[in-house]
Amino acid sequence: VIYEFPGDCSYLLAGDCNHHSFTLLGDFQNGKRTGITLFLGDVFELHLSADGQLSQGGKRLSLPYASHAVFVGSELGFYKLWSEEFGFAVTIDNAANIAVTMTKLHSNRTCGLCGNFNAIPSDEYTAQEGFLTEDSYDFANSWAVKGADQACRRVSDPTQSCNSTKGTAVLSSCSVLQTSSLFLHCSHLVSPDAFLSLCQAEACYCDQKNPEDCSCPFLLEYVRTCRSHGVLLHGWVEESQCFPKCPIGMQYSECTKPCSTTCHSLNIQEVCKEECVDGCTCPTGKVLDGNRCVEVSQCSCTHMGRHFPPGSTISQDCNTCVCRHGSWECTNEGCPGETRVQWGGE
């Protein structure tokens, strides 16, 4: 089931609707996605904005973050909030697209804008009050979550006619879903009809300057849905002329390992669970250092939670350590007055 909803409040995206162990809210303002809020029961709250700012009760927190079996960090240029213990992961890409994945343990136990996870499409539009509707706006409005100082206005389905030149250009960009042989490779598993309808409807009221900025989010969502069904649409970027946004210095890749090489990972062995995901990577020969791509020789080091530029020196246990290639290289001298005893046998 796919639908569009330009919200203007906080809405329940998904959560454990049986035991209420966790709740994920999607935060919207004037139709734009602004971030997500996580609740664990009634006592723990985290807010991650679309631009990567993490806060708790109004207090800014730094990334990466770990507490209460919840982790927040960045992956392939996207922001990610996840918990293996609670069985969910949320990513926010550079266009503020929010993706929620859950383990099969939550099957038929969820509710909210992401549905009930029971593999039955006909009852996905179950409103918070329990009734089934065919109207996506009635469904989505029902999951609004009003805060103590927040009144949620009901969002209505926009009705506009398409007669602008830009609207025609957007419609043309959408049409690759049904005219391109590349996109049709997936049509036997994922019907493009719903994506095409939403893409065409966007032509009526999209306020972006470039037509591709109106149609590309729907094409990207179709590609990601196809990948989740095991079909990789290699070359879709060139075919559609859609170039998903990446942080400065990074480049979009249709298929890459989820564990991008970072200055920190140069000296550890990481095991990647998935084989291929889309995301932002550093150009060949560079690695990620925080939020920028650098040569390995320019990798910084960390010590006691602080970052040090390459070439920095620190004292550690009477030895001098130098930051080189993302790790500390230390001398191996004993402290003055220290007696070293060596045991030998005959």
C-alpha atoms as a PDB file:
ATOM      1  CA  VAL A   1       0.000   0.000   0.000  1.00  0.00           C
ATOM      2  CA  ILE A   2       1.402   3.392  -0.976  1.00  0.00           C
ATOM      3  CA  TYR A   3      -0.131   6.818  -0.385  1.00  0.00           C
ATOM      4  CA  GLU A   4       0.921  10.432   0.063  1.00  0.00           C
ATOM      5  CA  PHE A   5       0.077  12.606   3.035  1.00  0.00           C
ATOM      6  CA  PRO A   6       1.471  16.152   3.559  1.00  0.00           C
ATOM      7  CA  GLY A   7       1.069  16.199   7.332  1.00  0.00           C
ATOM      8  CA  ASP A   8       1.271  19.148   9.714  1.00  0.00           C
ATOM      9  CA  CYS A   9       1.677  17.574  13.136  1.00  0.00           C
ATOM     10  CA  SER A  10       3.254  14.534  14.792  1.00  0.00           C
ATOM     11  CA  TYR A  11       1.813  11.186  13.735  1.00  0.00           C
ATOM     12  CA  LEU A  12       2.282   7.642  14.940  1.00  0.00           C
ATOM     13  CA  LEU A  13       4.467   5.980  12.324  1.00  0.00           C
ATOM     14  CA  ALA A  14       4.795   2.586  13.954  1.00  0.00           C
ATOM     15  CA  GLY A  15       5.203   0.977  17.323  1.00  0.00           C
ATOM     16  CA  ASP A  16       4.503  -1.962  19.565  1.00  0.00           C
ATOM     17  CA  CYS A  17       0.741  -1.517  19.816  1.00  0.00           C
ATOM     18  CA  ASN A  18       0.253  -4.545  22.075  1.00  0.00           C
ATOM     19  CA  HIS A  19       2.683  -3.864  24.913  1.00  0.00           C
ATOM     20  CA  HIS A  20       3.654  -0.267  24.049  1.00  0.00           C
ATOM     21  CA  SER A  21       7.359  -1.007  24.631  1.00  0.00           C
ATOM     22  CA  PHE A  22       8.284   1.565  21.976  1.00  0.00           C
ATOM     23  CA  THR A  23       6.566   4.205  19.849  1.00  0.00           C
ATOM     24  CA  LEU A  24       7.895   5.986  16.751  1.00  0.00           C
ATOM     25  CA  LEU A  25       6.383   9.331  15.760  1.00  0.00           C
ATOM     26  CA  GLY A  26       6.912  11.120  12.462  1.00  0.00           C
ATOM     27  CA  ASP A  27       7.140  14.888  12.863  1.00  0.00           C
ATOM     28  CA  PHE A  28       5.716  17.043  10.043  1.00  0.00           C
ATOM     29  CA  GLN A  29       5.401  20.782   9.509  1.00  0.00           C
ATOM     30  CA  ASN A  30       3.505  22.332   6.595  1.00  0.00           C
ATOM     31  CA  GLY A  31       3.671  19.086   4.652  1.00  0.00           C
ATOM     32  CA  LYS A  32       7.429  18.628   5.162  1.00  0.00           C
ATOM     33  CA  ARG A  33       9.036  15.828   7.174  1.00  0.00           C
ATOM     34  CA  THR A  34      11.085  17.383   9.974  1.00  0.00           C
ATOM     35  CA  GLY A  35      12.214  14.334  11.974  1.00  0.00           C
ATOM     36  CA  ILE A  36      11.221  11.438  14.219  1.00  0.00           C
ATOM     37  CA  THR A  37      10.581  11.013  17.926  1.00  0.00           C
ATOM     38  CA  LEU A  38      11.105   7.761  19.830  1.00  0.00           C
ATOM     39  CA  PHE A  39       9.399   6.838  23.093  1.00  0.00           C
ATOM     40  CA  LEU A  40      10.336   3.797  25.176  1.00  0.00           C
ATOM     41  CA  GLY A  41       7.364   3.344  27.475  1.00  0.00           C
ATOM     42  CA  ASP A  42       6.596   6.616  29.236  1.00  0.00           C
ATOM     43  CA  VAL A  43      10.026   7.485  30.605  1.00  0.00           C
ATOM     44  CA  PHE A  44      12.483   7.661  27.678  1.00  0.00           C
ATOM     45  CA  GLU A  45      12.269  10.055  24.738  1.00  0.00           C
ATOM     46  CA  LEU A  46      14.621  10.905  21.857  1.00  0.00           C
ATOM     47  CA  HIS A  47      14.129  13.301  18.949  1.00  0.00           C
ATOM     48  CA  LEU A  48      16.164  13.059  15.743  1.00  0.00           C
ATOM     49  CA  SER A  49      15.631  15.895  13.281  1.00  0.00           C
ATOM     50  CA  ALA A  50      15.928  15.505   9.519  1.00  0.00           C
ATOM     51  CA  ASP A  51      19.219  17.424   9.589  1.00  0.00           C
ATOM     52  CA  GLY A  52      20.745  15.031  12.132  1.00  0.00           C
ATOM     53  CA  GLN A  53      20.318  16.971  15.366  1.00  0.00           C
ATOM     54  CA  LEU A  54      19.642  14.649  18.304  1.00  0.00           C
ATOM     55  CA  SER A  55      17.962  15.932  21.452  1.00  0.00           C
ATOM     56  CA  GLN A  56      16.326  14.716  24.634  1.00  0.00           C
ATOM     57  CA  GLY A  57      13.995  16.972  26.578  1.00  0.00           C
ATOM     58  CA  GLY A  58      15.380  20.025  24.773  1.00  0.00           C
ATOM     59  CA  LYS A  59      19.012  19.068  25.493  1.00  0.00           C
ATOM     60  CA  ARG A  60      21.321  18.545  22.498  1.00  0.00           C
ATOM     61  CA  LEU A  61      23.134  15.204  22.327  1.00  0.00           C
ATOM     62  CA  SER A  62      26.147  14.302  20.228  1.00  0.00           C
ATOM     63  CA  LEU A  63      26.447  11.507  17.663  1.00  0.00           C
ATOM     64  CA  PRO A  64      27.149   8.635  17.780  1.00  0.00           C
ATOM     65  CA  TYR A  65      24.800   7.950  20.686  1.00  0.00           C
ATOM     66  CA  ALA A  66      23.967   4.820  22.688  1.00  0.00           C
ATOM     67  CA  SER A  67      21.610   4.381  25.661  1.00  0.00           C
ATOM     68  CA  HIS A  68      18.801   2.026  26.740  1.00  0.00           C
ATOM     69  CA  ALA A  69      19.730  -0.406  23.895  1.00  0.00           C
ATOM     70  CA  VAL A  70      19.063   2.396  21.373  1.00  0.00           C
ATOM     71  CA  PHE A  71      21.747   3.606  18.977  1.00  0.00           C
ATOM     72  CA  VAL A  72      21.892   6.725  16.791  1.00  0.00           C
ATOM     73  CA  GLY A  73      24.532   7.501  14.195  1.00  0.00           C
ATOM     74  CA  SER A  74      25.148   7.899  10.481  1.00  0.00           C
ATOM     75  CA  GLU A  75      25.352   5.254   7.770  1.00  0.00           C
ATOM     76  CA  LEU A  76      26.074   5.868   4.083  1.00  0.00           C
ATOM     77  CA  GLY A  77      25.408   9.574   4.458  1.00  0.00           C
ATOM     78  CA  PHE A  78      22.022   8.941   6.108  1.00  0.00           C
ATOM     79  CA  TYR A  79      21.041   9.320   9.757  1.00  0.00           C
ATOM     80  CA  LYS A  80      20.014   6.114  11.500  1.00  0.00           C
ATOM     81  CA  LEU A  81      18.260   5.293  14.774  1.00  0.00           C
ATOM     82  CA  TRP A  82      17.974   1.619  15.653  1.00  0.00           C
ATOM     83  CA  SER A  83      17.624  -0.992  18.358  1.00  0.00           C
ATOM     84  CA  GLU A  84      18.212  -4.712  17.910  1.00  0.00           C
ATOM     85  CA  GLU A  85      16.646  -5.368  21.309  1.00  0.00           C
ATOM     86  CA  PHE A  86      13.393  -3.633  20.351  1.00  0.00           C
ATOM     87  CA  GLY A  87      13.565  -4.854  16.755  1.00  0.00           C
ATOM     88  CA  PHE A  88      13.384  -1.666  14.668  1.00  0.00           C
ATOM     89  CA  ALA A  89      15.543   0.620  12.555  1.00  0.00           C
ATOM     90  CA  VAL A  90      14.779   4.083  11.159  1.00  0.00           C
ATOM     91  CA  THR A  91      16.799   5.924   8.532  1.00  0.00           C
ATOM     92  CA  ILE A  92      16.453   9.522   7.318  1.00  0.00           C
ATOM     93  CA  ASP A  93      18.089  10.302   3.990  1.00  0.00           C
ATOM     94  CA  ASN A  94      19.215  13.696   2.679  1.00  0.00           C
ATOM     95  CA  ALA A  95      15.789  14.436   1.203  1.00  0.00           C
ATOM     96  CA  ALA A  96      14.157  13.785   4.626  1.00  0.00           C
ATOM     97  CA  ASN A  97      12.686  10.471   3.419  1.00  0.00           C
ATOM     98  CA  ILE A  98      12.015   8.334   6.488  1.00  0.00           C
ATOM     99  CA  ALA A  99      12.238   4.533   6.240  1.00  0.00           C
ATOM    100  CA  VAL A 100      11.118   2.230   9.060  1.00  0.00           C
ATOM    101  CA  THR A 101      12.033  -1.454   9.135  1.00  0.00           C
ATOM    102  CA  MET A 102      11.008  -3.970  11.769  1.00  0.00           C
ATOM    103  CA  THR A 103      11.792  -7.565  12.576  1.00  0.00           C
ATOM    104  CA  LYS A 104       9.213 -10.277  11.911  1.00  0.00           C
ATOM    105  CA  LEU A 105       8.569 -10.484  15.647  1.00  0.00           C
ATOM    106  CA  HIS A 106       6.358  -7.419  15.208  1.00  0.00           C
ATOM    107  CA  SER A 107       4.123  -9.040  12.566  1.00  0.00           C
ATOM    108  CA  ASN A 108       0.466  -8.144  13.182  1.00  0.00           C
ATOM    109  CA  ARG A 109       1.427  -6.151  16.281  1.00  0.00           C
ATOM    110  CA  THR A 110       2.034  -2.677  14.849  1.00  0.00           C
ATOM    111  CA  CYS A 111      -0.206   0.271  14.041  1.00  0.00           C
ATOM    112  CA  GLY A 112       0.113   3.787  12.656  1.00  0.00           C
ATOM    113  CA  LEU A 113       0.933   5.300   9.274  1.00  0.00           C
ATOM    114  CA  CYS A 114       3.134   2.317   8.360  1.00  0.00           C
ATOM    115  CA  GLY A 115       0.254  -0.136   8.782  1.00  0.00           C
ATOM    116  CA  ASN A 116      -0.259  -3.255  10.871  1.00  0.00           C
ATOM    117  CA  PHE A 117       2.456  -5.490   9.323  1.00  0.00           C
ATOM    118  CA  ASN A 118       0.154  -8.450   8.732  1.00  0.00           C
ATOM    119  CA  ALA A 119       0.757  -8.891   4.967  1.00  0.00           C
ATOM    120  CA  ILE A 120      -2.928  -8.202   4.228  1.00  0.00           C
ATOM    121  CA  PRO A 121      -3.103  -5.009   2.101  1.00  0.00           C
ATOM    122  CA  SER A 122      -6.898  -4.728   2.332  1.00  0.00           C
ATOM    123  CA  ASP A 123      -6.911  -3.686   6.001  1.00  0.00           C
ATOM    124  CA  GLU A 124      -3.909  -1.323   6.057  1.00  0.00           C
ATOM    125  CA  TYR A 125      -6.163   1.754   6.242  1.00  0.00           C
ATOM    126  CA  THR A 126      -7.358   0.931   9.744  1.00  0.00           C
ATOM    127  CA  ALA A 127      -7.830   4.204  11.618  1.00  0.00           C
ATOM    128  CA  GLN A 128      -6.784   4.737  15.219  1.00  0.00           C
ATOM    129  CA  GLU A 129     -10.446   4.485  16.244  1.00  0.00           C
ATOM    130  CA  GLY A 130     -10.552   0.959  14.786  1.00  0.00           C
ATOM    131  CA  PHE A 131     -12.695   1.514  11.686  1.00  0.00           C
ATOM    132  CA  LEU A 132     -11.551   0.674   8.157  1.00  0.00           C
ATOM    133  CA  THR A 133     -11.556   3.464   5.587  1.00  0.00           C
ATOM    134  CA  GLU A 134     -10.721   3.768   1.911  1.00  0.00           C
ATOM    135  CA  ASP A 135      -9.601   7.387   2.266  1.00  0.00           C
ATOM    136  CA  SER A 136      -5.865   7.733   2.958  1.00  0.00           C
ATOM    137  CA  TYR A 137      -6.369  11.216   4.441  1.00  0.00           C
ATOM    138  CA  ASP A 138      -8.996   9.979   6.921  1.00  0.00           C
ATOM    139  CA  PHE A 139      -6.622   7.171   7.840  1.00  0.00           C
ATOM    140  CA  ALA A 140      -3.542   9.363   8.278  1.00  0.00           C
ATOM    141  CA  ASN A 141      -5.339  12.181  10.121  1.00  0.00           C
ATOM    142  CA  SER A 142      -6.617   9.665  12.667  1.00  0.00           C
ATOM    143  CA  TRP A 143      -3.048   8.912  13.790  1.00  0.00           C
ATOM    144  CA  ALA A 144      -2.207  12.509  14.740  1.00  0.00           C
ATOM    145  CA  VAL A 145      -0.647  12.754  18.194  1.00  0.00           C
ATOM    146  CA  LYS A 146      -1.439  16.016  19.974  1.00  0.00           C
ATOM    147  CA  GLY A 147       1.174  17.351  22.342  1.00  0.00           C
ATOM    148  CA  ALA A 148       0.497  19.355  25.473  1.00  0.00           C
ATOM    149  CA  ASP A 149       1.099  22.618  23.607  1.00  0.00           C
ATOM    150  CA  GLN A 150       0.209  21.459  20.121  1.00  0.00           C
ATOM    151  CA  ALA A 151      -3.131  21.462  18.328  1.00  0.00           C
ATOM    152  CA  CYS A 152      -3.194  19.389  15.154  1.00  0.00           C
ATOM    153  CA  ARG A 153      -5.146  20.724  12.217  1.00  0.00           C
ATOM    154  CA  ARG A 154      -6.857  18.241   9.930  1.00  0.00           C
ATOM    155  CA  VAL A 155      -5.093  17.977   6.567  1.00  0.00           C
ATOM    156  CA  SER A 156      -7.347  17.936   3.496  1.00  0.00           C
ATOM    157  CA  ASP A 157      -6.688  16.361   0.119  1.00  0.00           C
ATOM    158  CA  PRO A 158      -5.569  19.179  -2.220  1.00  0.00           C
ATOM    159  CA  THR A 159      -7.635  19.640  -5.369  1.00  0.00           C
ATOM    160  CA  GLN A 160      -5.823  21.484  -8.132  1.00  0.00           C
ATOM    161  CA  SER A 161      -5.898  21.209 -11.906  1.00  0.00           C
ATOM    162  CA  CYS A 162      -2.732  20.595 -13.873  1.00  0.00           C
ATOM    163  CA  ASN A 163      -2.321  23.131 -16.628  1.00  0.00           C
ATOM    164  CA  SER A 164       1.172  24.524 -16.108  1.00  0.00           C
ATOM    165  CA  THR A 165       4.209  23.868 -18.251  1.00  0.00           C
ATOM    166  CA  LYS A 166       6.012  22.470 -15.218  1.00  0.00           C
ATOM    167  CA  GLY A 167       3.131  20.071 -14.603  1.00  0.00           C
ATOM    168  CA  THR A 168       3.553  18.691 -18.103  1.00  0.00           C
ATOM    169  CA  ALA A 169       7.301  18.239 -17.533  1.00  0.00           C
ATOM    170  CA  VAL A 170       6.682  16.411 -14.251  1.00  0.00           C
ATOM    171  CA  LEU A 171       4.175  14.096 -15.938  1.00  0.00           C
ATOM    172  CA  SER A 172       6.789  13.286 -18.559  1.00  0.00           C
ATOM    173  CA  SER A 173       9.355  12.457 -15.860  1.00  0.00           C
ATOM    174  CA  CYS A 174       6.855  10.178 -14.118  1.00  0.00           C
ATOM    175  CA  SER A 175       6.118   8.240 -17.291  1.00  0.00           C
ATOM    176  CA  VAL A 176       9.404   6.290 -17.187  1.00  0.00           C
ATOM    177  CA  LEU A 177       7.691   4.007 -14.679  1.00  0.00           C
ATOM    178  CA  GLN A 178       5.567   2.577 -17.475  1.00  0.00           C
ATOM    179  CA  THR A 179       7.634   3.315 -20.605  1.00  0.00           C
ATOM    180  CA  SER A 180      11.202   2.422 -19.584  1.00  0.00           C
ATOM    181  CA  SER A 181      12.240  -1.190 -20.125  1.00  0.00           C
ATOM    182  CA  LEU A 182      14.629  -0.803 -17.180  1.00  0.00           C
ATOM    183  CA  PHE A 183      11.840   0.038 -14.727  1.00  0.00           C
ATOM    184  CA  LEU A 184       9.555  -2.610 -16.252  1.00  0.00           C
ATOM    185  CA  HIS A 185      12.021  -5.303 -15.131  1.00  0.00           C
ATOM    186  CA  CYS A 186      10.396  -5.029 -11.713  1.00  0.00           C
ATOM    187  CA  SER A 187       6.739  -4.593 -12.707  1.00  0.00           C
ATOM    188  CA  HIS A 188       5.952  -8.308 -12.332  1.00  0.00           C
ATOM    189  CA  LEU A 189       6.755  -8.045  -8.608  1.00  0.00           C
ATOM    190  CA  VAL A 190       5.925  -4.418  -7.800  1.00  0.00           C
ATOM    191  CA  SER A 191       3.174  -2.751  -9.793  1.00  0.00           C
ATOM    192  CA  PRO A 192       4.165   0.783 -10.802  1.00  0.00           C
ATOM    193  CA  ASP A 193       0.528   1.938 -11.026  1.00  0.00           C
ATOM    194  CA  ALA A 194       0.210   3.383  -7.502  1.00  0.00           C
ATOM    195  CA  PHE A 195       3.622   5.071  -7.721  1.00  0.00           C
ATOM    196  CA  LEU A 196       2.713   6.513 -11.123  1.00  0.00           C
ATOM    197  CA  SER A 197      -0.620   7.877  -9.852  1.00  0.00           C
ATOM    198  CA  LEU A 198       1.031   9.638  -6.911  1.00  0.00           C
ATOM    199  CA  CYS A 199       3.812  10.960  -9.120  1.00  0.00           C
ATOM    200  CA  GLN A 200       1.282  12.388 -11.563  1.00  0.00           C
ATOM    201  CA  ALA A 201      -0.758  13.923  -8.738  1.00  0.00           C
ATOM    202  CA  GLU A 202       2.405  15.660  -7.505  1.00  0.00           C
ATOM    203  CA  ALA A 203       2.544  17.535 -10.815  1.00  0.00           C
ATOM    204  CA  CYS A 204      -0.500  19.543  -9.725  1.00  0.00           C
ATOM    205  CA  TYR A 205       1.028  21.265  -6.705  1.00  0.00           C
ATOM    206  CA  CYS A 206       4.777  20.619  -6.590  1.00  0.00           C
ATOM    207  CA  ASP A 207       6.612  23.842  -5.720  1.00  0.00           C
ATOM    208  CA  GLN A 208      10.110  22.716  -6.733  1.00  0.00           C
ATOM    209  CA  LYS A 209      11.952  24.621  -9.486  1.00  0.00           C
ATOM    210  CA  ASN A 210      13.116  21.517 -11.342  1.00  0.00           C
ATOM    211  CA  PRO A 211      10.511  18.990 -12.574  1.00  0.00           C
ATOM    212  CA  GLU A 212      12.836  16.125 -11.597  1.00  0.00           C
ATOM    213  CA  ASP A 213      12.712  17.225  -7.952  1.00  0.00           C
ATOM    214  CA  CYS A 214       8.965  16.569  -8.058  1.00  0.00           C
ATOM    215  CA  SER A 215       9.039  13.147  -9.695  1.00  0.00           C
ATOM    216  CA  CYS A 216      12.315  11.695  -8.407  1.00  0.00           C
ATOM    217  CA  PRO A 217      11.161  10.929  -4.825  1.00  0.00           C
ATOM    218  CA  PHE A 218       8.522   8.580  -6.240  1.00  0.00           C
ATOM    219  CA  LEU A 219      10.966   6.915  -8.614  1.00  0.00           C
ATOM    220  CA  LEU A 220      13.459   6.467  -5.781  1.00  0.00           C
ATOM    221  CA  GLU A 221      10.765   4.913  -3.594  1.00  0.00           C
ATOM    222  CA  TYR A 222       9.833   2.515  -6.403  1.00  0.00           C
ATOM    223  CA  VAL A 223      13.488   1.505  -6.822  1.00  0.00           C
ATOM    224  CA  ARG A 224      13.868   0.889  -3.074  1.00  0.00           C
ATOM    225  CA  THR A 225      10.645  -1.137  -2.986  1.00  0.00           C
ATOM    226  CA  CYS A 226      11.917  -3.243  -5.890  1.00  0.00           C
ATOM    227  CA  ARG A 227      15.204  -3.827  -4.082  1.00  0.00           C
ATOM    228  CA  SER A 228      13.324  -5.027  -1.000  1.00  0.00           C
ATOM    229  CA  HIS A 229      11.731  -7.623  -3.324  1.00  0.00           C
ATOM    230  CA  GLY A 230      15.131  -8.702  -4.611  1.00  0.00           C
ATOM    231  CA  VAL A 231      15.203  -6.752  -7.892  1.00  0.00           C
ATOM    232  CA  LEU A 232      18.061  -4.283  -8.442  1.00  0.00           C
ATOM    233  CA  LEU A 233      17.363  -1.701 -11.127  1.00  0.00           C
ATOM    234  CA  HIS A 234      20.936  -0.919 -12.129  1.00  0.00           C
ATOM    235  CA  GLY A 235      21.232   2.263 -14.162  1.00  0.00           C
ATOM    236  CA  TRP A 236      17.982   3.858 -12.993  1.00  0.00           C
ATOM    237  CA  VAL A 237      19.784   7.102 -12.065  1.00  0.00           C
ATOM    238  CA  GLU A 238      20.948   7.751 -15.627  1.00  0.00           C
ATOM    239  CA  GLU A 239      17.687   6.483 -17.093  1.00  0.00           C
ATOM    240  CA  SER A 240      15.566   8.870 -15.024  1.00  0.00           C
ATOM    241  CA  GLN A 241      18.099  11.682 -14.599  1.00  0.00           C
ATOM    242  CA  CYS A 242      17.409  11.546 -10.861  1.00  0.00           C
ATOM    243  CA  PHE A 243      20.414  12.230  -8.663  1.00  0.00           C
ATOM    244  CA  PRO A 244      19.582  11.703  -4.973  1.00  0.00           C
ATOM    245  CA  LYS A 245      21.122  14.254  -2.632  1.00  0.00           C
ATOM    246  CA  CYS A 246      24.297  13.467  -0.707  1.00  0.00           C
ATOM    247  CA  PRO A 247      26.392  15.406   1.811  1.00  0.00           C
ATOM    248  CA  ILE A 248      29.087  17.619   0.277  1.00  0.00           C
ATOM    249  CA  GLY A 249      32.013  15.546  -0.964  1.00  0.00           C
ATOM    250  CA  MET A 250      30.047  12.277  -1.138  1.00  0.00           C
ATOM    251  CA  GLN A 251      28.457  10.611  -4.153  1.00  0.00           C
ATOM    252  CA  TYR A 252      25.293   8.554  -4.554  1.00  0.00           C
ATOM    253  CA  SER A 253      25.653   4.824  -5.221  1.00  0.00           C
ATOM    254  CA  GLU A 254      22.804   2.562  -6.338  1.00  0.00           C
ATOM    255  CA  CYS A 255      24.421  -0.487  -4.768  1.00  0.00           C
ATOM    256  CA  THR A 256      27.048  -0.436  -2.029  1.00  0.00           C
ATOM    257  CA  LYS A 257      27.918  -2.154   1.232  1.00  0.00           C
ATOM    258  CA  PRO A 258      25.995  -0.785   4.233  1.00  0.00           C
ATOM    259  CA  CYS A 259      29.197  -0.507   6.263  1.00  0.00           C
ATOM    260  CA  SER A 260      31.038   2.339   4.572  1.00  0.00           C
ATOM    261  CA  THR A 261      34.779   2.562   5.201  1.00  0.00           C
ATOM    262  CA  THR A 262      35.548   5.142   7.861  1.00  0.00           C
ATOM    263  CA  CYS A 263      38.700   6.276   9.607  1.00  0.00           C
ATOM    264  CA  HIS A 264      37.507   4.337  12.644  1.00  0.00           C
ATOM    265  CA  SER A 265      36.816   1.101  10.727  1.00  0.00           C
ATOM    266  CA  LEU A 266      40.267   0.979   9.086  1.00  0.00           C
ATOM    267  CA  ASN A 267      41.677  -0.906  12.067  1.00  0.00           C
ATOM    268  CA  ILE A 268      38.718  -3.164  12.925  1.00  0.00           C
ATOM    269  CA  GLN A 269      36.941  -6.022  11.191  1.00  0.00           C
ATOM    270  CA  GLU A 270      33.303  -5.196  10.431  1.00  0.00           C
ATOM    271  CA  VAL A 271      30.727  -7.728   9.281  1.00  0.00           C
ATOM    272  CA  CYS A 272      28.076  -6.331   6.921  1.00  0.00           C
ATOM    273  CA  LYS A 273      24.702  -8.071   7.117  1.00  0.00           C
ATOM    274  CA  GLU A 274      23.281  -6.885   3.798  1.00  0.00           C
ATOM    275  CA  GLU A 275      24.947  -7.213   0.427  1.00  0.00           C
ATOM    276  CA  CYS A 276      23.585  -4.188  -1.390  1.00  0.00           C
ATOM    277  CA  VAL A 277      21.895  -0.942  -0.359  1.00  0.00           C
ATOM    278  CA  ASP A 278      21.699   2.507  -1.898  1.00  0.00           C
ATOM    279  CA  GLY A 279      23.369   5.414  -0.205  1.00  0.00           C
ATOM    280  CA  CYS A 280      26.154   7.983  -0.217  1.00  0.00           C
ATOM    281  CA  THR A 281      29.793   6.950  -0.350  1.00  0.00           C
ATOM    282  CA  CYS A 282      33.176   8.630  -0.510  1.00  0.00           C
ATOM    283  CA  PRO A 283      35.011   8.797  -3.839  1.00  0.00           C
ATOM    284  CA  THR A 284      37.540   6.032  -4.527  1.00  0.00           C
ATOM    285  CA  GLY A 285      40.640   6.462  -2.382  1.00  0.00           C
ATOM    286  CA  LYS A 286      38.894   8.397   0.380  1.00  0.00           C
ATOM    287  CA  VAL A 287      37.233   7.340   3.647  1.00  0.00           C
ATOM    288  CA  LEU A 288      34.652   8.940   5.906  1.00  0.00           C
ATOM    289  CA  ASP A 289      35.949  10.939   8.868  1.00  0.00           C
ATOM    290  CA  GLY A 290      32.933  12.118  10.846  1.00  0.00           C
ATOM    291  CA  ASN A 291      30.799  13.729   8.143  1.00  0.00           C
ATOM    292  CA  ARG A 292      33.447  14.411   5.485  1.00  0.00           C
ATOM    293  CA  CYS A 293      35.544  12.384   3.077  1.00  0.00           C
ATOM    294  CA  VAL A 294      39.330  12.524   3.500  1.00  0.00           C
ATOM    295  CA  GLU A 295      42.500  10.775   2.362  1.00  0.00           C
ATOM    296  CA  VAL A 296      43.529   8.022   4.795  1.00  0.00           C
ATOM    297  CA  SER A 297      46.599  10.070   5.679  1.00  0.00           C
ATOM    298  CA  GLN A 298      44.269  12.868   6.865  1.00  0.00           C
ATOM    299  CA  CYS A 299      42.218  10.689   9.220  1.00  0.00           C
ATOM    300  CA  SER A 300      41.697  12.061  12.703  1.00  0.00           C
ATOM    301  CA  CYS A 301      41.947  10.042  15.942  1.00  0.00           C
ATOM    302  CA  THR A 302      39.817   9.943  19.060  1.00  0.00           C
ATOM    303  CA  HIS A 303      40.849   9.801  22.709  1.00  0.00           C
ATOM    304  CA  MET A 304      38.619  10.120  25.758  1.00  0.00           C
ATOM    305  CA  GLY A 305      35.737  11.230  23.526  1.00  0.00           C
ATOM    306  CA  ARG A 306      37.777  14.025  21.887  1.00  0.00           C
ATOM    307  CA  HIS A 307      38.851  14.234  18.245  1.00  0.00           C
ATOM    308  CA  PHE A 308      42.478  15.005  17.342  1.00  0.00           C
ATOM    309  CA  PRO A 309      43.731  15.981  13.866  1.00  0.00           C
ATOM    310  CA  PRO A 310      46.410  13.873  12.163  1.00  0.00           C
ATOM    311  CA  GLY A 311      49.887  14.469  13.552  1.00  0.00           C
ATOM    312  CA  SER A 312      48.592  15.293  17.045  1.00  0.00           C
ATOM    313  CA  THR A 313      50.497  13.899  20.025  1.00  0.00           C
ATOM    314  CA  ILE A 314      49.282  12.876  23.467  1.00  0.00           C
ATOM    315  CA  SER A 315      50.962  11.372  26.532  1.00  0.00           C
ATOM    316  CA  GLN A 316      49.768   7.987  27.674  1.00  0.00           C
ATOM    317  CA  ASP A 317      51.344   5.956  30.514  1.00  0.00           C
ATOM    318  CA  CYS A 318      54.710   7.714  30.197  1.00  0.00           C
ATOM    319  CA  ASN A 319      54.703   7.224  26.434  1.00  0.00           C
ATOM    320  CA  THR A 320      54.099   9.550  23.521  1.00  0.00           C
ATOM    321  CA  CYS A 321      51.387   8.677  20.994  1.00  0.00           C
ATOM    322  CA  VAL A 322      51.085  10.186  17.522  1.00  0.00           C
ATOM    323  CA  CYS A 323      47.905  10.203  15.417  1.00  0.00           C
ATOM    324  CA  ARG A 324      48.625   8.525  12.082  1.00  0.00           C
ATOM    325  CA  HIS A 325      46.107   7.137   9.584  1.00  0.00           C
ATOM    326  CA  GLY A 326      43.265   7.212  12.101  1.00  0.00           C
ATOM    327  CA  SER A 327      45.036   5.353  14.913  1.00  0.00           C
ATOM    328  CA  TRP A 328      47.495   6.137  17.684  1.00  0.00           C
ATOM    329  CA  GLU A 329      51.089   4.961  17.299  1.00  0.00           C
ATOM    330  CA  CYS A 330      52.759   4.937  20.701  1.00  0.00           C
ATOM    331  CA  THR A 331      56.287   4.487  21.991  1.00  0.00           C
ATOM    332  CA  ASN A 332      56.870   1.544  24.304  1.00  0.00           C
ATOM    333  CA  GLU A 333      58.938   2.872  27.168  1.00  0.00           C
ATOM    334  CA  GLY A 334      58.664   2.114  30.861  1.00  0.00           C
ATOM    335  CA  CYS A 335      57.957   4.884  33.346  1.00  0.00           C
ATOM    336  CA  PRO A 336      60.951   6.303  35.302  1.00  0.00           C
ATOM    337  CA  GLY A 337      61.615   4.332  38.471  1.00  0.00           C
ATOM    338  CA  GLU A 338      59.544   1.424  37.262  1.00  0.00           C
ATOM    339  CA  THR A 339      61.113  -1.990  37.869  1.00  0.00           C
ATOM    340  CA  ARG A 340      60.540  -4.604  35.267  1.00  0.00           C
ATOM    341  CA  VAL A 341      60.852  -8.189  36.455  1.00  0.00           C
ATOM    342  CA  GLN A 342      61.353 -10.932  33.940  1.00  0.00           C
ATOM    343  CA  TRP A 343      60.880 -14.516  34.943  1.00  0.00           C
ATOM    344  CA  GLY A 344      62.975 -17.069  33.209  1.00  0.00           C
ATOM    345  CA  GLY A 345      63.289 -20.782  33.564  1.00  0.00           C
ATOM    346  CA  GLU A 346      66.141 -23.181  33.242  1.00  0.00           C
END
